[in-house]
Amino acid sequence: MGKVLVLLYGVASYLIFFVTFLYLIAFVGNLDGLPFVTKTIDSGIAGPTGQALLVNTALLLLFAGTHTVMARPWFKRRWTKIIPQAIERSTYVLVSSLTLILLFVEWVPMIDPVWSVTNSNAAMALWVLYFGGYGMVLLSTFLINHFELFGLAQVFANLKDRRVPDLKFVSPFLYKVIRHPIYLGWIIAFWATPDMSAGHLLFAILTSAQILISIPHEERDIEHALGEPYADYRKRTPMLVPFMKSKE
């Protein structure tokens, strides 16, 4: 695979991710009044409850499974025997984006209300939390290395025949307070809504469960790569809740 093709592949994967990320905000937030938003979590014709539960759970498990398995070191070692090392991260980003797009398209609305906040101030506070959650996700990626996290650094390094620097332990800003601000941002965004439907609740429960299941595996991988500095960080820094004593 030529260097220019590798670069184009990486850039295209990143752009698909970024558009998918923006659409996710509209999808989960039911922002169907925005241009180009054709489907949201509660829009469309609701199907039979059993069918909707089965389809939506399968879509969420497909995303969770590919997203989690492809991040593990053992999978990366085998995968990079098939594809170039330079596009490993871009491929991970692309597959994650495509499974989310499939979820957007095939999602079956489950519109039974779980809660509805009628107080305007409380509803506004939840909207602030909603958008703030996504803002925390994006900010947290830039606090570490956004472009390496999403594969661009690797394809540009490949173009220039440079080696991507080894992973180093850093804990800037939000990472000084909790170990996983990206995951906390996702959890906030998925739960903060003035109008919670049954489908949105299913989405929030399963995505939160995926996060909580993934964290121990991810941290073992990071500690194996970084050693004692990260082990010490785990002991003194809470996982998701600020100022809570770490149980590590």
C-alpha atoms as a PDB file:
ATOM      1  CA  MET A   1       0.000   0.000   0.000  1.00  0.00           C
ATOM      2  CA  GLY A   2       1.646   3.238  -1.135  1.00  0.00           C
ATOM      3  CA  LYS A   3       2.388   6.021   1.293  1.00  0.00           C
ATOM      4  CA  VAL A   4       0.010   8.451  -0.410  1.00  0.00           C
ATOM      5  CA  LEU A   5      -2.794   5.856  -0.332  1.00  0.00           C
ATOM      6  CA  VAL A   6      -2.067   5.235   3.347  1.00  0.00           C
ATOM      7  CA  LEU A   7      -2.356   8.968   3.981  1.00  0.00           C
ATOM      8  CA  LEU A   8      -5.596   9.295   2.031  1.00  0.00           C
ATOM      9  CA  TYR A   9      -7.029   6.269   3.840  1.00  0.00           C
ATOM     10  CA  GLY A  10      -6.124   7.757   7.219  1.00  0.00           C
ATOM     11  CA  VAL A  11      -7.551  11.185   6.385  1.00  0.00           C
ATOM     12  CA  ALA A  12     -10.759   9.667   4.976  1.00  0.00           C
ATOM     13  CA  SER A  13     -11.168   7.490   8.089  1.00  0.00           C
ATOM     14  CA  TYR A  14     -10.719  10.541  10.316  1.00  0.00           C
ATOM     15  CA  LEU A  15     -13.271  12.605   8.367  1.00  0.00           C
ATOM     16  CA  ILE A  16     -15.798   9.763   8.506  1.00  0.00           C
ATOM     17  CA  PHE A  17     -15.226   9.557  12.265  1.00  0.00           C
ATOM     18  CA  PHE A  18     -15.714  13.285  12.758  1.00  0.00           C
ATOM     19  CA  VAL A  19     -18.949  13.411  10.741  1.00  0.00           C
ATOM     20  CA  THR A  20     -20.176  10.328  12.644  1.00  0.00           C
ATOM     21  CA  PHE A  21     -19.312  11.989  15.967  1.00  0.00           C
ATOM     22  CA  LEU A  22     -21.328  15.081  15.010  1.00  0.00           C
ATOM     23  CA  TYR A  23     -24.247  12.956  13.853  1.00  0.00           C
ATOM     24  CA  LEU A  24     -24.150  10.999  17.114  1.00  0.00           C
ATOM     25  CA  ILE A  25     -24.791  14.254  18.990  1.00  0.00           C
ATOM     26  CA  ALA A  26     -27.882  14.867  16.853  1.00  0.00           C
ATOM     27  CA  PHE A  27     -28.991  11.206  16.986  1.00  0.00           C
ATOM     28  CA  VAL A  28     -28.909  10.759  20.761  1.00  0.00           C
ATOM     29  CA  GLY A  29     -30.160  14.303  21.401  1.00  0.00           C
ATOM     30  CA  ASN A  30     -33.123  13.941  19.019  1.00  0.00           C
ATOM     31  CA  LEU A  31     -32.016  17.042  17.126  1.00  0.00           C
ATOM     32  CA  ASP A  32     -34.020  16.139  14.037  1.00  0.00           C
ATOM     33  CA  GLY A  33     -34.625  19.769  13.147  1.00  0.00           C
ATOM     34  CA  LEU A  34     -31.031  20.176  12.021  1.00  0.00           C
ATOM     35  CA  PRO A  35     -30.089  19.998   8.318  1.00  0.00           C
ATOM     36  CA  PHE A  36     -29.054  16.528   7.074  1.00  0.00           C
ATOM     37  CA  VAL A  37     -30.384  14.819  10.235  1.00  0.00           C
ATOM     38  CA  THR A  38     -32.756  12.186   8.875  1.00  0.00           C
ATOM     39  CA  LYS A  39     -32.935   9.805  11.834  1.00  0.00           C
ATOM     40  CA  THR A  40     -32.680  10.121  15.607  1.00  0.00           C
ATOM     41  CA  ILE A  41     -32.990   7.734  18.493  1.00  0.00           C
ATOM     42  CA  ASP A  42     -36.726   8.405  18.893  1.00  0.00           C
ATOM     43  CA  SER A  43     -37.756   9.366  15.352  1.00  0.00           C
ATOM     44  CA  GLY A  44     -39.475   7.070  12.913  1.00  0.00           C
ATOM     45  CA  ILE A  45     -42.053   4.345  13.348  1.00  0.00           C
ATOM     46  CA  ALA A  46     -41.744   2.320  16.531  1.00  0.00           C
ATOM     47  CA  GLY A  47     -41.713  -1.430  15.970  1.00  0.00           C
ATOM     48  CA  PRO A  48     -42.957  -4.233  18.226  1.00  0.00           C
ATOM     49  CA  THR A  49     -41.201  -4.022  21.596  1.00  0.00           C
ATOM     50  CA  GLY A  50     -39.585  -7.452  21.407  1.00  0.00           C
ATOM     51  CA  GLN A  51     -38.282  -6.919  17.886  1.00  0.00           C
ATOM     52  CA  ALA A  52     -36.997  -3.428  18.708  1.00  0.00           C
ATOM     53  CA  LEU A  53     -35.237  -4.683  21.836  1.00  0.00           C
ATOM     54  CA  LEU A  54     -33.581  -7.519  19.930  1.00  0.00           C
ATOM     55  CA  VAL A  55     -32.449  -5.402  16.965  1.00  0.00           C
ATOM     56  CA  ASN A  56     -31.194  -2.487  19.050  1.00  0.00           C
ATOM     57  CA  THR A  57     -29.348  -4.722  21.498  1.00  0.00           C
ATOM     58  CA  ALA A  58     -27.672  -6.545  18.600  1.00  0.00           C
ATOM     59  CA  LEU A  59     -26.583  -3.230  17.061  1.00  0.00           C
ATOM     60  CA  LEU A  60     -25.137  -2.002  20.346  1.00  0.00           C
ATOM     61  CA  LEU A  61     -23.347  -5.298  20.990  1.00  0.00           C
ATOM     62  CA  LEU A  62     -21.881  -5.245  17.480  1.00  0.00           C
ATOM     63  CA  PHE A  63     -20.454  -1.787  18.115  1.00  0.00           C
ATOM     64  CA  ALA A  64     -19.244  -2.689  21.603  1.00  0.00           C
ATOM     65  CA  GLY A  65     -17.694  -5.969  20.471  1.00  0.00           C
ATOM     66  CA  THR A  66     -15.725  -4.592  17.529  1.00  0.00           C
ATOM     67  CA  HIS A  67     -14.730  -1.454  19.419  1.00  0.00           C
ATOM     68  CA  THR A  68     -13.447  -3.441  22.415  1.00  0.00           C
ATOM     69  CA  VAL A  69     -11.796  -6.386  20.653  1.00  0.00           C
ATOM     70  CA  MET A  70      -9.971  -4.286  18.060  1.00  0.00           C
ATOM     71  CA  ALA A  71      -8.401  -2.195  20.835  1.00  0.00           C
ATOM     72  CA  ARG A  72      -6.710  -5.160  22.513  1.00  0.00           C
ATOM     73  CA  PRO A  73      -2.957  -5.686  21.942  1.00  0.00           C
ATOM     74  CA  TRP A  74      -3.359  -9.363  20.988  1.00  0.00           C
ATOM     75  CA  PHE A  75      -5.766  -8.401  18.196  1.00  0.00           C
ATOM     76  CA  LYS A  76      -3.483  -5.594  16.998  1.00  0.00           C
ATOM     77  CA  ARG A  77      -0.527  -7.999  16.765  1.00  0.00           C
ATOM     78  CA  ARG A  78      -2.493 -10.387  14.577  1.00  0.00           C
ATOM     79  CA  TRP A  79      -4.260  -7.671  12.607  1.00  0.00           C
ATOM     80  CA  THR A  80      -1.027  -5.908  11.627  1.00  0.00           C
ATOM     81  CA  LYS A  81       0.180  -9.108   9.980  1.00  0.00           C
ATOM     82  CA  ILE A  82      -2.640  -8.521   7.477  1.00  0.00           C
ATOM     83  CA  ILE A  83      -2.725  -4.716   7.180  1.00  0.00           C
ATOM     84  CA  PRO A  84       0.106  -2.142   7.384  1.00  0.00           C
ATOM     85  CA  GLN A  85       0.972  -0.965  10.887  1.00  0.00           C
ATOM     86  CA  ALA A  86       0.483   2.641   9.767  1.00  0.00           C
ATOM     87  CA  ILE A  87      -3.259   2.177   9.185  1.00  0.00           C
ATOM     88  CA  GLU A  88      -4.045  -0.027  12.182  1.00  0.00           C
ATOM     89  CA  ARG A  89      -5.469   2.864  14.199  1.00  0.00           C
ATOM     90  CA  SER A  90      -7.234   4.396  11.209  1.00  0.00           C
ATOM     91  CA  THR A  91      -8.904   1.048  10.499  1.00  0.00           C
ATOM     92  CA  TYR A  92     -10.040   0.812  14.109  1.00  0.00           C
ATOM     93  CA  VAL A  93     -11.523   4.311  13.837  1.00  0.00           C
ATOM     94  CA  LEU A  94     -13.174   3.483  10.508  1.00  0.00           C
ATOM     95  CA  VAL A  95     -14.745   0.216  11.697  1.00  0.00           C
ATOM     96  CA  SER A  96     -16.041   1.909  14.860  1.00  0.00           C
ATOM     97  CA  SER A  97     -17.570   4.687  12.753  1.00  0.00           C
ATOM     98  CA  LEU A  98     -19.165   2.266  10.282  1.00  0.00           C
ATOM     99  CA  THR A  99     -20.768   0.204  13.036  1.00  0.00           C
ATOM    100  CA  LEU A 100     -22.193   3.415  14.515  1.00  0.00           C
ATOM    101  CA  ILE A 101     -23.550   4.444  11.113  1.00  0.00           C
ATOM    102  CA  LEU A 102     -25.188   1.014  10.819  1.00  0.00           C
ATOM    103  CA  LEU A 103     -26.745   1.624  14.248  1.00  0.00           C
ATOM    104  CA  PHE A 104     -28.119   4.998  13.101  1.00  0.00           C
ATOM    105  CA  VAL A 105     -29.684   3.455  10.008  1.00  0.00           C
ATOM    106  CA  GLU A 106     -31.134   0.282  11.525  1.00  0.00           C
ATOM    107  CA  TRP A 107     -32.148   1.569  14.977  1.00  0.00           C
ATOM    108  CA  VAL A 108     -35.785   0.806  15.826  1.00  0.00           C
ATOM    109  CA  PRO A 109     -37.377   3.557  17.952  1.00  0.00           C
ATOM    110  CA  MET A 110     -38.679   2.586  21.409  1.00  0.00           C
ATOM    111  CA  ILE A 111     -40.596   5.721  22.319  1.00  0.00           C
ATOM    112  CA  ASP A 112     -42.287   4.776  25.591  1.00  0.00           C
ATOM    113  CA  PRO A 113     -41.423   7.598  28.032  1.00  0.00           C
ATOM    114  CA  VAL A 114     -39.244   6.845  31.065  1.00  0.00           C
ATOM    115  CA  TRP A 115     -39.010  10.412  32.343  1.00  0.00           C
ATOM    116  CA  SER A 116     -39.787  13.891  31.085  1.00  0.00           C
ATOM    117  CA  VAL A 117     -38.477  17.006  32.792  1.00  0.00           C
ATOM    118  CA  THR A 118     -40.962  19.856  32.474  1.00  0.00           C
ATOM    119  CA  ASN A 119     -39.161  22.471  34.571  1.00  0.00           C
ATOM    120  CA  SER A 120     -37.428  24.735  32.047  1.00  0.00           C
ATOM    121  CA  ASN A 121     -34.405  25.451  34.250  1.00  0.00           C
ATOM    122  CA  ALA A 122     -33.843  21.760  34.976  1.00  0.00           C
ATOM    123  CA  ALA A 123     -34.278  20.896  31.299  1.00  0.00           C
ATOM    124  CA  MET A 124     -31.768  23.585  30.316  1.00  0.00           C
ATOM    125  CA  ALA A 125     -29.281  22.252  32.901  1.00  0.00           C
ATOM    126  CA  LEU A 126     -29.601  18.781  31.362  1.00  0.00           C
ATOM    127  CA  TRP A 127     -28.970  20.178  27.879  1.00  0.00           C
ATOM    128  CA  VAL A 128     -25.876  21.951  29.171  1.00  0.00           C
ATOM    129  CA  LEU A 129     -24.685  18.641  30.631  1.00  0.00           C
ATOM    130  CA  TYR A 130     -25.507  16.872  27.362  1.00  0.00           C
ATOM    131  CA  PHE A 131     -23.401  19.116  25.160  1.00  0.00           C
ATOM    132  CA  GLY A 132     -20.810  19.478  27.919  1.00  0.00           C
ATOM    133  CA  GLY A 133     -20.328  15.704  27.917  1.00  0.00           C
ATOM    134  CA  TYR A 134     -19.390  15.700  24.239  1.00  0.00           C
ATOM    135  CA  GLY A 135     -17.190  18.721  24.830  1.00  0.00           C
ATOM    136  CA  MET A 136     -15.384  16.820  27.594  1.00  0.00           C
ATOM    137  CA  VAL A 137     -14.829  13.878  25.245  1.00  0.00           C
ATOM    138  CA  LEU A 138     -13.316  16.056  22.540  1.00  0.00           C
ATOM    139  CA  LEU A 139     -11.222  18.152  24.934  1.00  0.00           C
ATOM    140  CA  SER A 140      -9.875  15.037  26.654  1.00  0.00           C
ATOM    141  CA  THR A 141      -8.648  13.604  23.349  1.00  0.00           C
ATOM    142  CA  PHE A 142      -6.683  16.793  22.654  1.00  0.00           C
ATOM    143  CA  LEU A 143      -5.234  16.774  26.179  1.00  0.00           C
ATOM    144  CA  ILE A 144      -3.408  13.548  25.348  1.00  0.00           C
ATOM    145  CA  ASN A 145      -2.866  13.176  21.577  1.00  0.00           C
ATOM    146  CA  HIS A 146      -5.995  13.594  19.471  1.00  0.00           C
ATOM    147  CA  PHE A 147      -4.327  12.983  16.117  1.00  0.00           C
ATOM    148  CA  GLU A 148      -2.527   9.844  17.256  1.00  0.00           C
ATOM    149  CA  LEU A 149      -5.674   8.569  18.944  1.00  0.00           C
ATOM    150  CA  PHE A 150      -7.538   8.796  15.643  1.00  0.00           C
ATOM    151  CA  GLY A 151      -4.768   7.575  13.357  1.00  0.00           C
ATOM    152  CA  LEU A 152      -3.642  10.767  11.619  1.00  0.00           C
ATOM    153  CA  ALA A 153      -0.249  10.984  13.341  1.00  0.00           C
ATOM    154  CA  GLN A 154       0.566   7.445  12.190  1.00  0.00           C
ATOM    155  CA  VAL A 155      -0.237   7.989   8.512  1.00  0.00           C
ATOM    156  CA  PHE A 156       1.652  11.311   8.372  1.00  0.00           C
ATOM    157  CA  ALA A 157       4.656   9.717  10.090  1.00  0.00           C
ATOM    158  CA  ASN A 158       4.542   6.913   7.523  1.00  0.00           C
ATOM    159  CA  LEU A 159       4.506   9.469   4.700  1.00  0.00           C
ATOM    160  CA  LYS A 160       7.671  11.098   6.051  1.00  0.00           C
ATOM    161  CA  ASP A 161       9.385   7.810   6.982  1.00  0.00           C
ATOM    162  CA  ARG A 162       9.287   8.745  10.637  1.00  0.00           C
ATOM    163  CA  ARG A 163       8.545   6.624  13.667  1.00  0.00           C
ATOM    164  CA  VAL A 164       5.621   7.528  15.893  1.00  0.00           C
ATOM    165  CA  PRO A 165       7.064   8.292  19.366  1.00  0.00           C
ATOM    166  CA  ASP A 166       6.595   5.624  22.013  1.00  0.00           C
ATOM    167  CA  LEU A 167       3.678   5.993  24.399  1.00  0.00           C
ATOM    168  CA  LYS A 168       4.597   8.148  27.396  1.00  0.00           C
ATOM    169  CA  PHE A 169       2.714   8.654  30.621  1.00  0.00           C
ATOM    170  CA  VAL A 170       1.096  12.077  30.985  1.00  0.00           C
ATOM    171  CA  SER A 171      -1.793  13.304  33.138  1.00  0.00           C
ATOM    172  CA  PRO A 172      -2.715  16.831  32.029  1.00  0.00           C
ATOM    173  CA  PHE A 173      -5.626  18.900  33.374  1.00  0.00           C
ATOM    174  CA  LEU A 174      -8.721  16.641  33.612  1.00  0.00           C
ATOM    175  CA  TYR A 175      -6.491  13.566  33.857  1.00  0.00           C
ATOM    176  CA  LYS A 176      -5.176  14.879  37.166  1.00  0.00           C
ATOM    177  CA  VAL A 177      -8.689  14.599  38.605  1.00  0.00           C
ATOM    178  CA  ILE A 178      -9.913  11.325  37.052  1.00  0.00           C
ATOM    179  CA  ARG A 179      -8.256   8.622  34.965  1.00  0.00           C
ATOM    180  CA  HIS A 180     -10.924   8.466  32.254  1.00  0.00           C
ATOM    181  CA  PRO A 181     -12.428  11.856  31.390  1.00  0.00           C
ATOM    182  CA  ILE A 182     -13.254  10.628  27.881  1.00  0.00           C
ATOM    183  CA  TYR A 183     -15.431   7.851  29.273  1.00  0.00           C
ATOM    184  CA  LEU A 184     -17.008  10.151  31.859  1.00  0.00           C
ATOM    185  CA  GLY A 185     -17.903  12.554  29.042  1.00  0.00           C
ATOM    186  CA  TRP A 186     -19.631   9.761  27.129  1.00  0.00           C
ATOM    187  CA  ILE A 187     -21.590   8.654  30.193  1.00  0.00           C
ATOM    188  CA  ILE A 188     -22.743  12.209  30.922  1.00  0.00           C
ATOM    189  CA  ALA A 189     -23.781  12.763  27.302  1.00  0.00           C
ATOM    190  CA  PHE A 190     -25.725   9.512  27.066  1.00  0.00           C
ATOM    191  CA  TRP A 191     -27.660   9.995  30.322  1.00  0.00           C
ATOM    192  CA  ALA A 192     -28.251  13.768  30.400  1.00  0.00           C
ATOM    193  CA  THR A 193     -31.591  14.326  28.699  1.00  0.00           C
ATOM    194  CA  PRO A 194     -34.829  16.015  29.737  1.00  0.00           C
ATOM    195  CA  ASP A 195     -36.815  13.364  27.823  1.00  0.00           C
ATOM    196  CA  MET A 196     -35.700   9.773  28.343  1.00  0.00           C
ATOM    197  CA  SER A 197     -37.397   7.149  26.188  1.00  0.00           C
ATOM    198  CA  ALA A 198     -37.147   3.380  26.533  1.00  0.00           C
ATOM    199  CA  GLY A 199     -34.837   3.242  23.517  1.00  0.00           C
ATOM    200  CA  HIS A 200     -32.595   5.998  24.837  1.00  0.00           C
ATOM    201  CA  LEU A 201     -32.476   4.219  28.200  1.00  0.00           C
ATOM    202  CA  LEU A 202     -31.410   0.965  26.516  1.00  0.00           C
ATOM    203  CA  PHE A 203     -28.720   2.882  24.617  1.00  0.00           C
ATOM    204  CA  ALA A 204     -27.467   4.564  27.796  1.00  0.00           C
ATOM    205  CA  ILE A 205     -27.424   1.345  29.840  1.00  0.00           C
ATOM    206  CA  LEU A 206     -25.569  -0.779  27.276  1.00  0.00           C
ATOM    207  CA  THR A 207     -23.032   1.882  26.299  1.00  0.00           C
ATOM    208  CA  SER A 208     -22.309   2.603  29.967  1.00  0.00           C
ATOM    209  CA  ALA A 209     -21.944  -1.125  30.635  1.00  0.00           C
ATOM    210  CA  GLN A 210     -19.481  -1.397  27.742  1.00  0.00           C
ATOM    211  CA  ILE A 211     -17.420   1.433  29.226  1.00  0.00           C
ATOM    212  CA  LEU A 212     -17.331  -0.111  32.698  1.00  0.00           C
ATOM    213  CA  ILE A 213     -16.411  -3.531  31.287  1.00  0.00           C
ATOM    214  CA  SER A 214     -13.734  -2.085  28.985  1.00  0.00           C
ATOM    215  CA  ILE A 215     -11.918   0.043  31.563  1.00  0.00           C
ATOM    216  CA  PRO A 216     -10.196  -2.790  33.510  1.00  0.00           C
ATOM    217  CA  HIS A 217      -8.967  -4.411  30.272  1.00  0.00           C
ATOM    218  CA  GLU A 218      -7.741  -1.094  28.921  1.00  0.00           C
ATOM    219  CA  GLU A 219      -5.966  -0.219  32.145  1.00  0.00           C
ATOM    220  CA  ARG A 220      -4.176  -3.569  32.266  1.00  0.00           C
ATOM    221  CA  ASP A 221      -2.936  -2.940  28.727  1.00  0.00           C
ATOM    222  CA  ILE A 222      -1.765   0.581  29.603  1.00  0.00           C
ATOM    223  CA  GLU A 223      -0.061  -0.548  32.798  1.00  0.00           C
ATOM    224  CA  HIS A 224       1.717  -3.310  30.886  1.00  0.00           C
ATOM    225  CA  ALA A 225       2.966  -0.700  28.402  1.00  0.00           C
ATOM    226  CA  LEU A 226       3.870   2.060  30.872  1.00  0.00           C
ATOM    227  CA  GLY A 227       4.723   0.143  34.027  1.00  0.00           C
ATOM    228  CA  GLU A 228       5.061   1.664  37.499  1.00  0.00           C
ATOM    229  CA  PRO A 229       4.166   5.293  36.625  1.00  0.00           C
ATOM    230  CA  TYR A 230       0.688   4.220  35.511  1.00  0.00           C
ATOM    231  CA  ALA A 231       0.302   1.761  38.393  1.00  0.00           C
ATOM    232  CA  ASP A 232       0.987   4.596  40.817  1.00  0.00           C
ATOM    233  CA  TYR A 233      -1.424   6.852  38.912  1.00  0.00           C
ATOM    234  CA  ARG A 234      -4.184   4.238  39.300  1.00  0.00           C
ATOM    235  CA  LYS A 235      -3.608   4.131  43.048  1.00  0.00           C
ATOM    236  CA  ARG A 236      -3.874   7.867  43.621  1.00  0.00           C
ATOM    237  CA  THR A 237      -6.418   8.986  40.970  1.00  0.00           C
ATOM    238  CA  PRO A 238     -10.130   8.072  40.881  1.00  0.00           C
ATOM    239  CA  MET A 239     -11.403   6.208  37.841  1.00  0.00           C
ATOM    240  CA  LEU A 240     -14.509   8.232  36.907  1.00  0.00           C
ATOM    241  CA  VAL A 241     -15.795  10.160  39.917  1.00  0.00           C
ATOM    242  CA  PRO A 242     -13.666  13.181  40.910  1.00  0.00           C
ATOM    243  CA  PHE A 243     -12.352  13.345  44.469  1.00  0.00           C
ATOM    244  CA  MET A 244     -13.462   9.790  45.216  1.00  0.00           C
ATOM    245  CA  LYS A 245     -10.698   7.691  46.738  1.00  0.00           C
ATOM    246  CA  SER A 246      -9.278   5.262  44.225  1.00  0.00           C
ATOM    247  CA  LYS A 247      -9.926   1.578  44.974  1.00  0.00           C
ATOM    248  CA  GLU A 248      -6.920   0.416  42.957  1.00  0.00           C
END
